[in-house]
Amino acid sequence: MDNYVDLPEKIKKHLDVLTKASGLPNNNDSKNLIAKNWIDKENLFTKQIESLEMIQINNFEKNDIRPFLLLTYSGSLISGTSLEDDIRHIEYYSIKLRSDVPEIVIIEGCNFIDNINIDQEAVFTKGAIKKTSSLYKIAVCEDSVSLDEQNKRIREAVIFLTNGFVKINKTLFFKSGEVPDQFTMKSIVKFLALKNNLTQKQIKQILEDYLYMIECGMLLKERVPIGRLGKLFIKIKPPQKARVGINPSSGEKITINAKPEMYVPKISFSKIIKEKAGSVKIDEEK
């Protein structure tokens, strides 16, 4: 499949730049890999926006109070909170092809110089990043959604998409089964530190304290909520008598020792997580 040839010319121009910067050989095979990478990101963006009931628009006025999410042709993501006193909190995510976590630039008390439009650069009033590359997509929520809920949806979309883009990038350089684990504690700490403008040491301490509180609650026989994921708890497992089983690796019969009654850890997943898990396509999961 020739992913590159079928794309519009204006997208090809941006992908040519990405191919040269990727470190891959500058040939048609590399261009097709980069094109597939870009298409996968576009699909992920579109599906995430749809699942959060956001809409795509062609232009956005600088005085529009709604928060926003921008996708550039180069694959960068820019998010902004709702407008308050003519300023916003803006986050710029540059998802490099060979990076474990995105590069993040946070701009406080900022807005656009002028209204922004598809196929044009967005220029900021201040900050380390003066302007974006050309915009490919602009996404916002409907006016009927409360601003608090809009800000929440933008924040969730950013976290999902930035991590999703990093995962898609890894397919360019690693074979299936060789891709390094992105969701290690180290990578999570680094991402959260960058996103929240804190040190990795501060984030690590907060996470360790949080996890220890959950552990303590469980051991005190409480049902401990872990946000939208559900609840953790321990439950008594009845005693098990000795029995004969089958060794799964050899197929031979073996004796399984008796076990006394004991507490075991359990998790009760929330309805929202069950629904989201059920919506994941089997072929994508494989």
Foldseek 3Di string as FASTA:
>chain_A
DQLQVPDDPVLNVLLQVLLVVQPDPNDSVSSSLSSVLLVVLVVLLVVLCVVLQKDWDFKFWQQQQFWKWFAASNGKIKTWAGADPSFTWIKIWDQRLPDLATQIFIDGGKIFPGIDGAQCKTAMPDGPDGIDHGTHIMIFHDPVDDRVSRRVSRVVSVVVSRNVSNVSSQVSPDDPPGRDDSPDLVNVLVRVCNVVVHDSVVSVVVVVVVVVVLVVCQVVQHFDDDPQFFTKHKDKDAKADKDWDADVVPRDIDIDHTGHIDIDMDTDGHPVVVVVVVPDDPVVVD
